[in-house]
Protein backbone atom coordinates (compact mmCIF):
# COMPACT_ATOMS: atom_id res chain seq x y z
CA MET A 1 130.91 45.90 99.84
CA ILE A 2 132.89 48.74 97.78
CA THR A 3 131.66 47.30 94.65
CA HIS A 4 128.12 47.87 96.30
CA LYS A 5 128.63 51.51 98.12
CA LEU A 6 130.17 52.54 94.84
CA THR A 7 127.24 51.25 92.63
CA LYS A 8 124.95 53.75 94.84
CA LEU A 9 127.11 56.37 94.92
CA MET A 10 126.75 56.37 91.07
CA GLY A 11 123.06 55.81 91.06
CA ALA A 12 122.63 58.74 93.34
CA LEU A 13 124.60 61.30 91.67
CA ALA A 14 122.77 60.06 88.21
CA LEU A 15 119.49 60.82 90.02
CA ALA A 16 120.97 64.09 90.80
CA GLY A 17 122.08 65.09 87.37
CA ALA A 18 118.27 63.72 85.94
CA SER A 19 116.69 66.11 88.87
CA SER A 20 118.36 68.77 87.35
CA PHE A 21 117.72 68.34 83.85
CA VAL A 22 114.36 68.33 84.81
CA LEU A 23 114.51 71.64 86.80
CA ALA A 24 116.49 72.85 83.70
CA ALA A 25 114.00 71.46 81.33
CA GLU A 26 111.69 73.30 82.73
CA LYS A 27 112.35 76.56 82.32
CA PRO A 28 110.05 78.29 79.64
CA THR A 29 110.93 79.35 75.62
CA GLU A 30 108.80 82.51 77.19
CA LEU A 31 107.48 84.54 80.27
CA ASN A 32 103.99 85.06 79.38
CA VAL A 33 102.93 88.22 81.17
CA GLY A 34 99.20 89.77 81.63
CA ILE A 35 99.14 93.51 81.73
CA THR A 36 96.01 95.39 81.97
CA THR A 37 95.72 99.13 81.66
CA TYR A 38 92.93 101.40 80.09
CA LEU A 39 92.98 100.87 76.58
CA SER A 40 89.61 102.87 75.79
CA GLY A 41 87.38 105.39 77.77
CA SER A 42 88.34 108.58 79.31
CA ALA A 43 90.87 106.89 81.39
CA SER A 44 92.81 105.73 78.12
CA VAL A 45 94.86 109.11 78.25
CA PHE A 46 96.34 107.52 81.09
CA GLY A 47 96.37 103.77 80.08
CA VAL A 48 97.84 104.32 76.62
CA PRO A 49 100.95 106.09 77.82
CA ALA A 50 101.49 102.71 80.22
CA LYS A 51 100.84 100.43 77.36
CA HIS A 52 103.74 102.76 74.92
CA ALA A 53 106.03 102.36 78.33
CA ALA A 54 105.77 98.83 78.40
CA ASP A 55 105.97 98.24 74.96
CA ILE A 56 109.61 99.92 75.24
CA MET A 57 110.54 98.74 78.63
CA ILE A 58 110.13 94.61 77.10
CA GLU A 59 111.65 95.48 74.16
CA ASN A 60 114.83 96.53 75.96
CA ILE A 61 114.66 93.76 78.59
CA ASN A 62 114.57 91.38 75.90
CA ALA A 63 117.43 92.92 74.06
CA ASN A 64 119.29 92.42 76.87
CA GLY A 65 118.54 88.77 77.45
CA GLY A 66 115.31 88.98 78.96
CA ILE A 67 114.85 87.98 82.38
CA GLY A 68 117.51 84.98 83.09
CA GLY A 69 117.67 84.47 79.33
CA VAL A 70 113.82 84.55 79.21
CA LYS A 71 112.31 86.90 76.91
CA ILE A 72 108.94 88.77 78.23
CA VAL A 73 105.61 88.20 76.14
CA PRO A 74 103.15 90.32 77.27
CA THR A 75 98.92 90.22 76.60
CA TYR A 76 97.27 93.22 77.56
CA ILE A 77 93.82 93.58 78.77
CA ASP A 78 91.43 96.33 78.40
CA GLU A 79 90.54 97.86 81.95
CA GLY A 80 88.25 100.34 80.29
CA GLY A 81 85.19 97.24 79.42
CA GLY A 82 84.74 96.97 83.13
CA GLY A 83 85.23 94.91 85.64
CA GLU A 84 83.25 92.15 85.14
CA LYS A 85 85.11 91.56 81.60
CA LEU A 86 88.49 92.63 83.03
CA LEU A 87 88.09 89.58 85.76
CA SER A 88 86.56 87.42 83.05
CA GLU A 89 90.08 88.20 80.98
CA TYR A 90 92.15 87.98 83.67
CA ARG A 91 90.73 84.41 84.58
CA ARG A 92 90.63 83.19 80.97
CA LEU A 93 94.54 84.25 80.87
CA ALA A 94 95.56 82.77 84.09
CA GLU A 95 93.97 79.54 83.74
CA GLY A 96 95.18 79.32 80.37
CA GLY A 97 98.76 79.27 81.78
CA THR A 98 99.86 82.81 82.45
CA LYS A 99 100.92 82.81 85.91
CA VAL A 100 102.27 86.57 85.88
CA MET A 101 100.12 89.45 85.49
CA LEU A 102 100.63 93.15 86.01
CA SER A 103 97.24 94.27 87.30
CA ALA A 104 95.95 97.24 87.52
CA ILE A 105 95.56 100.64 87.39
CA SER A 106 91.58 101.47 88.71
CA SER A 107 91.85 100.71 92.11
CA GLY A 108 88.36 99.01 92.08
CA HIS A 109 89.84 96.62 89.92
CA CYS A 110 92.74 95.98 92.30
CA ASN A 111 90.43 95.16 94.91
CA ILE A 112 89.01 92.74 92.01
CA VAL A 113 91.68 90.83 91.24
CA THR A 114 93.48 90.33 94.59
CA PRO A 115 91.51 87.65 96.27
CA VAL A 116 91.57 86.38 92.55
CA ALA A 117 95.38 85.93 92.19
CA GLU A 118 95.66 84.24 95.44
CA ASP A 119 93.13 81.37 94.32
CA LEU A 120 94.25 80.67 91.04
CA LYS A 121 98.29 81.11 93.00
CA VAL A 122 99.27 83.70 89.75
CA LEU A 123 102.09 86.07 90.83
CA ASN A 124 100.33 89.79 90.81
CA VAL A 125 102.58 93.03 90.43
CA ALA A 126 99.93 95.84 91.70
CA TRP A 127 101.43 98.05 89.11
CA ASP A 128 99.42 101.52 89.94
CA CYS A 129 96.14 101.59 91.82
CA GLY A 130 96.51 103.33 94.86
CA THR A 131 93.81 101.90 97.51
CA GLU A 132 95.93 100.40 100.62
CA LYS A 133 93.11 98.35 101.13
CA ILE A 134 94.38 95.34 98.78
CA LEU A 135 97.53 94.83 101.10
CA GLU A 136 96.64 96.62 104.32
CA GLY A 137 96.49 94.14 107.68
CA LYS A 138 97.51 90.94 105.50
CA GLU A 139 100.59 88.73 104.34
CA LEU A 140 99.22 87.68 100.98
CA LYS A 141 101.70 85.08 99.03
CA TYR A 142 100.98 86.18 95.40
CA VAL A 143 100.12 89.98 95.61
CA VAL A 144 103.13 92.84 95.75
CA ARG A 145 102.52 95.99 94.76
CA THR A 146 105.33 98.00 93.33
CA GLN A 147 104.98 101.72 93.82
CA ALA A 148 103.47 103.53 96.86
CA ASN A 149 99.38 103.72 97.80
CA ALA A 150 97.51 106.44 98.80
CA THR A 151 98.64 106.59 102.45
CA ALA A 152 101.62 107.50 101.15
CA GLU A 153 100.54 109.66 98.75
CA MET A 154 97.99 111.63 100.79
CA VAL A 155 100.12 111.78 103.61
CA ALA A 156 102.80 113.37 101.46
CA GLN A 157 100.67 115.49 100.20
CA VAL A 158 99.30 117.06 102.97
CA LEU A 159 103.35 117.76 104.31
CA TYR A 160 103.62 119.50 100.97
CA LEU A 161 100.59 121.99 101.03
CA MET A 162 101.77 122.70 104.74
CA LYS A 163 104.93 123.70 104.03
CA VAL A 164 103.65 126.12 100.78
CA LYS A 165 100.72 127.16 102.07
CA PRO A 166 99.87 126.79 105.77
CA ASP A 167 97.70 129.65 106.57
CA PHE A 168 94.53 128.17 104.92
CA LYS A 169 91.10 127.77 106.63
CA THR A 170 89.00 126.37 104.50
CA ILE A 171 88.67 123.29 101.80
CA ALA A 172 86.69 121.91 99.54
CA ILE A 173 87.27 118.49 97.85
CA VAL A 174 86.01 117.00 94.59
CA ASN A 175 86.88 113.72 93.75
CA GLN A 176 85.99 110.56 91.38
CA ASP A 177 82.93 108.70 93.13
CA TYR A 178 85.26 105.00 93.82
CA ALA A 179 87.16 103.35 95.67
CA TRP A 180 90.37 105.95 95.35
CA GLY A 181 88.62 109.06 95.38
CA ARG A 182 86.66 107.94 98.88
CA ASP A 183 89.94 106.60 100.53
CA SER A 184 92.22 109.21 99.52
CA ARG A 185 89.73 111.73 100.81
CA ASP A 186 89.85 109.79 104.24
CA LEU A 187 93.27 109.52 104.14
CA PHE A 188 93.89 113.10 103.28
CA LEU A 189 91.49 114.47 105.53
CA ALA A 190 92.88 112.47 108.71
CA THR A 191 96.40 113.83 107.99
CA LEU A 192 95.18 117.11 107.75
CA LYS A 193 93.25 117.23 111.06
CA LYS A 194 96.95 116.31 112.67
CA PHE A 195 97.91 119.70 111.48
CA LYS A 196 95.05 121.91 110.92
CA PRO A 197 92.57 120.59 113.50
CA ASP A 198 90.25 123.57 113.31
CA VAL A 199 90.22 123.21 108.86
CA LYS A 200 86.79 123.59 107.83
CA VAL A 201 85.65 121.29 105.03
CA VAL A 202 83.14 123.10 103.25
CA ALA A 203 82.17 120.51 100.52
CA GLU A 204 82.70 117.51 99.50
CA MET A 205 81.59 116.38 96.08
CA PHE A 206 81.99 112.71 94.21
CA PRO A 207 81.09 113.47 90.79
CA LYS A 208 80.82 110.09 88.69
CA PHE A 209 83.63 108.10 87.43
CA GLY A 210 83.83 109.29 83.80
CA ALA A 211 81.66 112.36 84.09
CA ALA A 212 81.53 114.84 81.31
CA ASP A 213 80.03 118.15 83.42
CA PHE A 214 81.26 119.54 86.67
CA SER A 215 79.03 122.37 86.11
CA THR A 216 77.37 121.74 89.24
CA GLU A 217 80.59 121.21 91.14
CA ILE A 218 81.77 124.33 89.90
CA SER A 219 78.64 126.52 89.95
CA ARG A 220 79.23 125.43 93.99
CA LEU A 221 82.62 125.97 94.71
CA GLN A 222 82.34 129.60 93.13
CA ALA A 223 79.68 130.40 95.67
CA LEU A 224 81.93 128.28 98.60
CA ARG A 225 85.06 130.08 97.12
CA PRO A 226 87.37 127.51 100.04
CA ASP A 227 90.90 128.59 100.32
CA VAL A 228 92.01 125.34 98.72
CA ILE A 229 90.34 123.06 96.59
CA LEU A 230 91.71 119.37 96.50
CA SER A 231 91.07 116.55 93.45
CA THR A 232 92.85 113.30 93.85
CA SER A 233 91.17 112.67 90.16
CA TRP A 234 92.90 111.44 87.35
CA GLY A 235 92.61 110.82 83.39
CA GLY A 236 90.46 112.54 81.59
CA ASP A 237 88.27 113.43 84.28
CA LEU A 238 91.04 115.78 86.41
CA ASP A 239 91.36 117.08 82.24
CA THR A 240 87.66 117.83 81.82
CA PHE A 241 87.39 119.18 85.60
CA VAL A 242 90.43 121.63 85.07
CA ARG A 243 89.17 123.10 81.55
CA GLN A 244 85.89 123.60 82.77
CA ALA A 245 86.99 125.23 85.97
CA ASN A 246 89.43 127.00 84.19
CA GLN A 247 86.76 128.76 81.53
CA ARG A 248 84.68 129.97 84.65
CA ASN A 249 87.45 131.28 86.19
CA LEU A 250 87.45 129.08 89.59
CA PHE A 251 91.52 128.85 89.73
CA LYS A 252 91.36 132.59 90.78
CA ASN A 253 89.86 132.83 93.96
CA SER A 254 90.88 129.66 95.60
CA THR A 255 94.16 127.59 95.52
CA PHE A 256 94.02 123.92 93.77
CA VAL A 257 95.74 120.96 95.35
CA LEU A 258 95.58 118.12 92.21
CA SER A 259 97.48 115.35 93.57
CA LEU A 260 97.91 113.25 90.81
CA ALA A 261 98.10 116.57 87.45
CA GLU A 262 102.07 115.47 86.60
CA SER A 263 100.23 112.94 84.06
CA SER A 264 98.33 115.95 82.99
CA LEU A 265 100.63 118.78 82.77
CA GLU A 266 100.96 118.09 78.79
CA ARG A 267 97.94 117.11 77.82
CA LEU A 268 96.03 120.98 79.67
CA GLY A 269 98.85 123.16 78.31
CA ASP A 270 97.14 126.51 78.97
CA SER A 271 94.18 125.00 80.72
CA LEU A 272 96.30 124.53 83.74
CA PRO A 273 97.17 128.03 85.27
CA GLU A 274 100.42 128.67 87.14
CA GLY A 275 100.34 128.30 91.35
CA VAL A 276 98.53 125.01 91.24
CA ILE A 277 100.25 122.60 93.99
CA VAL A 278 100.70 118.85 91.63
CA GLY A 279 101.53 115.99 92.59
CA ALA A 280 102.69 112.75 90.59
CA ARG A 281 101.80 109.34 92.61
CA GLY A 282 105.77 109.08 93.53
CA ASP A 283 109.14 110.88 92.79
CA HIS A 284 107.90 110.59 88.49
CA TYR A 285 108.58 113.40 86.58
CA PHE A 286 110.83 113.56 83.48
CA LEU A 287 112.08 116.45 84.38
CA HIS A 288 113.23 114.77 87.51
CA PRO A 289 115.62 116.98 89.66
CA GLU A 290 117.95 114.10 90.75
CA THR A 291 117.49 111.63 87.48
CA LYS A 292 117.18 114.00 84.71
CA ASN A 293 120.82 113.86 83.57
CA ASP A 294 120.87 109.98 84.04
CA PRO A 295 121.40 108.35 80.78
CA ALA A 296 119.25 105.42 81.10
CA HIS A 297 116.21 108.35 82.16
CA GLN A 298 117.46 110.56 78.87
CA ASP A 299 117.24 107.44 76.55
CA PHE A 300 113.72 106.08 77.77
CA VAL A 301 112.20 110.02 77.86
CA LYS A 302 113.99 109.93 74.24
CA LYS A 303 112.35 106.82 73.03
CA PHE A 304 109.09 107.51 74.62
CA LYS A 305 108.81 111.32 72.67
CA GLU A 306 110.09 109.18 69.31
CA LYS A 307 107.14 106.59 70.09
CA THR A 308 104.38 108.78 71.18
CA GLY A 309 105.21 112.43 70.49
CA ALA A 310 104.98 112.97 74.35
CA TYR A 311 106.49 113.28 77.30
CA PRO A 312 106.25 109.90 79.92
CA ILE A 313 104.01 110.47 82.79
CA TYR A 314 103.52 108.74 86.18
CA SER A 315 101.62 105.97 84.90
CA ALA A 316 104.33 105.12 82.28
CA TYR A 317 106.89 105.53 85.33
CA HIS A 318 104.86 103.09 87.13
CA MET A 319 104.90 100.59 84.11
CA VAL A 320 108.80 100.52 84.44
CA GLN A 321 108.85 100.38 88.04
CA GLY A 322 106.39 97.09 87.82
CA LEU A 323 108.62 95.59 84.93
CA ASN A 324 111.96 96.56 86.83
CA GLY A 325 110.49 95.26 89.82
CA LEU A 326 108.89 91.66 88.43
CA LYS A 327 112.59 91.26 86.79
CA ALA A 328 114.22 92.05 90.18
CA GLY A 329 112.09 88.86 91.81
CA TYR A 330 112.60 87.03 89.49
CA GLU A 331 116.44 87.95 89.22
CA LYS A 332 116.60 86.85 92.95
CA ALA A 333 114.48 83.89 92.59
CA ILE A 334 116.49 82.29 90.33
CA LYS A 335 120.14 82.95 92.57
CA ASP A 336 118.27 81.65 96.01
CA ASN A 337 117.56 78.82 93.45
CA GLY A 338 121.17 78.19 92.32
CA GLY A 339 120.63 79.34 89.55
CA ALA A 340 117.58 77.17 88.17
CA TRP A 341 114.33 78.61 86.59
CA PRO A 342 112.28 79.40 89.75
CA THR A 343 108.40 78.22 90.46
CA THR A 344 105.38 81.12 90.60
CA GLU A 345 105.76 80.54 94.56
CA GLN A 346 109.16 81.17 94.55
CA VAL A 347 109.17 84.21 92.47
CA ALA A 348 106.57 85.82 94.92
CA ALA A 349 108.14 85.06 98.25
CA ALA A 350 111.30 87.04 96.49
CA MET A 351 109.23 89.86 95.21
CA HIS A 352 108.68 90.21 99.01
CA ASP A 353 112.51 91.03 99.55
CA ILE A 354 113.64 93.00 97.21
CA THR A 355 114.90 96.60 96.10
CA PHE A 356 114.93 98.41 92.85
CA LYS A 357 114.87 100.98 90.31
CA GLY A 358 112.79 102.79 87.80
CA PHE A 359 114.09 106.44 86.69
CA GLY A 360 113.07 107.70 90.10
CA ARG A 361 114.31 106.62 93.59
CA GLU A 362 115.35 103.38 94.70
CA VAL A 363 111.70 101.70 95.30
CA LYS A 364 111.92 98.74 98.46
CA ILE A 365 109.40 95.59 98.79
CA GLN A 366 111.24 94.47 102.08
CA ARG A 367 107.53 94.08 103.98
CA PRO A 368 105.35 90.73 104.62
CA ASP A 369 102.58 92.64 103.29
CA GLY A 370 104.47 93.03 100.16
CA GLN A 371 104.06 96.86 99.92
CA GLY A 372 106.49 99.11 97.91
CA VAL A 373 107.82 102.15 99.66
CA GLU A 374 108.39 104.87 97.24
CA ALA A 375 109.27 108.77 97.59
CA GLN A 376 106.72 111.59 96.56
CA LEU A 377 107.44 114.52 94.46
CA PHE A 378 105.38 117.17 94.26
CA GLY A 379 105.96 120.96 93.02
CA ILE A 380 104.06 124.47 91.89
CA THR A 381 103.16 124.61 88.14
CA ALA A 382 105.00 127.62 86.20
CA LYS A 383 105.32 128.58 82.60
CA SER A 384 108.72 127.35 81.10
CA ASP A 385 110.52 128.77 77.99
CA GLN A 386 111.60 125.79 76.84
CA TYR A 387 108.21 123.54 76.99
CA PRO A 388 104.44 124.67 75.69
CA PHE A 389 102.74 123.37 79.09
CA LYS A 390 103.34 123.94 82.55
CA VAL A 391 106.14 123.00 84.29
CA MET A 392 106.75 122.00 88.19
CA LYS A 393 108.84 124.60 90.28
CA ASP A 394 109.87 124.61 94.34
CA ILE A 395 109.75 120.41 93.84
CA THR A 396 110.16 118.69 96.70
CA ILE A 397 110.82 115.09 97.70
CA ILE A 398 109.63 113.38 100.67
CA PRO A 399 111.08 109.93 101.54
CA GLY A 400 108.61 107.25 101.45
CA GLU A 401 109.83 105.81 104.67
CA MET A 402 108.31 109.07 106.22
CA VAL A 403 104.87 108.49 104.62
CA THR A 404 104.36 104.63 104.32
CA PRO A 405 102.80 102.65 107.94
CA PRO A 406 104.95 99.62 108.82
CA SER A 407 103.00 96.31 107.86
CA GLY A 408 100.23 95.28 109.30
CA ALA A 409 99.34 98.94 110.62
CA ASN A 410 95.68 100.50 109.93
CA SER A 411 96.66 103.74 107.71
CA ILE A 412 93.88 105.86 110.02
CA GLU A 413 95.06 104.57 112.91
CA TRP A 414 98.84 104.87 111.90
CA ILE A 415 97.88 108.45 111.19
CA ASN A 416 96.39 109.56 114.19
CA LYS A 417 99.08 107.90 116.22
CA SER A 418 102.49 108.57 114.70
CA ILE A 419 102.11 111.42 112.37
CA THR A 420 102.79 114.93 114.24
CA PRO A 421 103.48 118.70 112.89
CA ASP A 422 106.80 118.08 113.64
CA ALA A 423 107.27 115.96 110.61
CA LEU A 424 107.31 119.57 108.48
CA LYS A 425 110.87 120.13 110.01
CA SER A 426 112.39 116.84 108.93
CA ASP A 427 115.83 117.35 107.21
CA GLN A 428 114.68 114.42 105.03
CA ILE A 429 112.78 116.45 103.06
CA LYS A 430 114.30 117.71 100.03
CA THR A 431 113.52 120.66 98.02
CA TYR A 432 115.18 121.91 94.99
CA ALA A 433 115.55 125.58 93.31
CA ASN A 434 113.37 126.23 90.74
């Protein structure tokens, strides 16, 4: 009887050892990651820097042991080819064995890939797109976002506008004609009406994505002379609009609010005047008042400048957060799995409960909807003796918790119910001396 029991025990131990061996054997020799970004077209001024940031970060992560001892091997997909081609390449990678994707920049592309990621059981880190609709009211298994969405960004933008220019009466909007441009308009105006219910919207214009001529829009704005002109456009579209508006002296008559202009400061140089309100889609800035002296941040800026000849912009910082968030998710899943390499499902679950940092404040994803909670940074353009382009003064950082709806909430309903003028009195909003 004792011999029989001992034999059974030894057999069980052998099976356990075999099971552990199988799990260890399944650890890959490399972690293949698909990364979508704009490598061509007008948006490449935004997408190519993100690729450079990915190259720098992946090299650094791999040099320090990779993720759980596994090196990252990226495959890049150009979003510049359009949604149909992106989806084809995305599927090709996924069906070929790549089970981790960082996608995408475009809000339209995020809307396309999100259901596909769930269908193909691919972990998709939405590393940059702004539309709130991909996660709002949902509890997706495989899709998370490592930065804020349009709701947080637009609510925070209104708070900053109300702090620095509360007395305006009229506003005009010039946004790109696709998901981001339309959604950000709705969110901005819903928030603005809570502070200024009598504000008059004198124009809403939506030029085509990739437009090269804004003469029609500028002529109309010259005739209307609104107190404030809002544009949430980005990339080459924003650069072109600013240059043409400056050539026709449009900045002299109105205060411009450019929600994504941190990414254009260096490219625009003297074409961007002083006194323009700019946002950074998060607290991303190479002169971030809280992290500019951090050695890791300084090292990243130095490497980026050496590689590209320019300073990093918020798309680069979003890529950093995407990769650091992915690393944090894997490390948590490995720990939860007793040190064994996790399945895609285990990593996806871990990604819904992580805290990590890029080169700004801490980012949290601790919600059923997988939405990152991220601080927001804003400033006003000013001349600098140190840089040949405008920098930001009157920098204000607004905590992500103040401007992010809870999981499951509808953004517009939450704004209408929860945002009040008292938010401007919060001591959580921190402003830095010039």
